[in-house]
Protein backbone atom coordinates (compact mmCIF):
# COMPACT_ATOMS: atom_id res chain seq x y z
CA MET A 1 22.25 47.81 -5.55
CA GLU A 2 20.60 45.08 -7.59
CA PHE A 3 21.74 46.67 -10.85
CA ILE A 4 25.38 46.48 -9.72
CA SER A 5 25.16 42.71 -9.28
CA SER A 6 23.54 42.45 -12.72
CA ILE A 7 26.31 44.51 -14.32
CA LEU A 8 29.00 42.44 -12.58
CA TYR A 9 27.24 39.25 -13.65
CA LEU A 10 27.09 40.34 -17.29
CA GLY A 11 30.62 41.70 -17.29
CA ILE A 12 32.39 38.89 -15.48
CA LEU A 13 30.46 35.66 -15.87
CA ALA A 14 28.65 36.04 -19.17
CA SER A 15 31.41 37.84 -21.06
CA LEU A 16 34.79 37.12 -19.52
CA VAL A 17 34.34 33.49 -18.53
CA THR A 18 32.71 32.44 -21.81
CA SER A 19 35.49 34.18 -23.77
CA LEU A 20 38.18 32.44 -21.73
CA LEU A 21 36.47 29.09 -22.18
CA SER A 22 36.18 29.69 -25.93
CA ASN A 23 39.90 30.39 -26.19
CA THR A 24 40.72 27.28 -24.17
CA ILE A 25 38.48 25.16 -26.36
CA LEU A 26 40.16 26.51 -29.50
CA SER A 27 43.39 24.91 -28.36
CA LYS A 28 41.65 21.52 -28.18
CA ILE A 29 39.28 21.36 -31.19
CA LYS A 30 38.88 22.88 -34.66
CA ALA A 31 37.50 26.40 -35.00
CA SER A 32 34.51 25.19 -37.00
CA GLN A 33 33.44 22.93 -34.14
CA MET A 34 34.14 25.61 -31.54
CA SER A 35 31.92 28.11 -33.32
CA VAL A 36 28.99 25.74 -32.82
CA PHE A 37 29.80 25.47 -29.11
CA ALA A 38 29.73 29.26 -28.82
CA ASN A 39 25.94 28.96 -28.94
CA LEU A 40 26.10 27.27 -25.54
CA SER A 41 26.99 30.62 -23.96
CA THR A 42 23.27 31.44 -24.09
CA VAL A 43 22.46 28.29 -22.12
CA VAL A 44 25.18 29.09 -19.56
CA THR A 45 23.87 32.64 -19.22
CA ILE A 46 20.29 31.45 -18.65
CA ALA A 47 21.40 28.87 -16.07
CA ALA A 48 23.68 31.30 -14.24
CA GLY A 49 20.95 33.94 -14.19
CA ALA A 50 18.56 31.46 -12.59
CA LEU A 51 21.13 30.17 -10.08
CA ILE A 52 22.98 33.35 -9.16
CA LEU A 53 20.41 36.10 -9.65
CA ASN A 54 17.36 33.98 -8.82
CA GLU A 55 15.74 34.87 -12.13
CA LYS A 56 12.56 33.05 -13.02
CA LEU A 57 12.97 30.30 -15.62
CA THR A 58 10.16 30.22 -18.15
CA PHE A 59 9.02 27.51 -20.49
CA TYR A 60 10.67 29.37 -23.37
CA ASP A 61 14.02 29.49 -21.57
CA ILE A 62 13.99 25.74 -21.06
CA LEU A 63 12.71 25.01 -24.58
CA GLY A 64 15.30 27.30 -26.15
CA SER A 65 18.09 25.73 -24.10
CA ILE A 66 17.04 22.23 -25.15
CA LEU A 67 16.93 23.28 -28.81
CA ILE A 68 20.38 24.88 -28.57
CA ILE A 69 21.86 21.75 -26.97
CA LEU A 70 20.22 19.50 -29.58
CA GLY A 71 21.55 21.77 -32.33
CA VAL A 72 25.10 21.59 -31.00
CA ILE A 73 24.94 17.81 -30.64
CA GLY A 74 23.33 17.37 -34.06
CA THR A 75 25.77 19.66 -35.83
CA ASN A 76 28.80 17.92 -34.35
CA TYR A 77 27.43 14.42 -34.89
CA PHE A 78 26.19 14.86 -38.45
CA GLY A 79 28.94 17.34 -39.37
CA VAL A 80 31.64 14.71 -38.73
CA LYS A 81 29.93 12.23 -41.06
CA ARG A 82 29.54 14.84 -43.80
CA GLU A 83 33.14 15.99 -43.43
CA HIS A 84 34.34 12.39 -43.73
CA SER A 85 32.26 11.76 -46.87
CA ILE A 86 33.59 14.96 -48.51
CA LYS A 87 37.16 13.85 -47.77
CA VAL A 88 36.52 10.39 -49.26
CA ASN A 89 34.98 11.95 -52.40
CA LEU A 90 37.94 14.31 -52.82
CA GLU A 91 40.42 11.45 -52.46
CA TYR A 92 38.46 9.37 -54.96
CA ASN A 93 38.40 12.22 -57.49
CA GLU A 94 42.14 12.76 -57.10
CA GLY A 95 42.81 9.09 -57.82
CA LYS A 96 44.13 8.20 -54.33
CA MET A 97 41.67 5.36 -53.87
């Protein structure tokens, strides 16, 4: 019986819900930013496994989740600055400035 709940969990929560959320996010932000947020599905899966299936959280689960979240924040924060500087350089080279 326990394997049925695991299969339902993987099929419904981890796959279906994250795919629906990804599609919703695509309507709000650029695809390049959304692809970074797709990494958060691992964090959601770990959290849901601990909350719904009462799986044991290990140090590595928590550490990995923190690193994923920091990576998403860092990529979006520093990626915006880099994207802006590339746009300014392109405009300068084209003589718009």
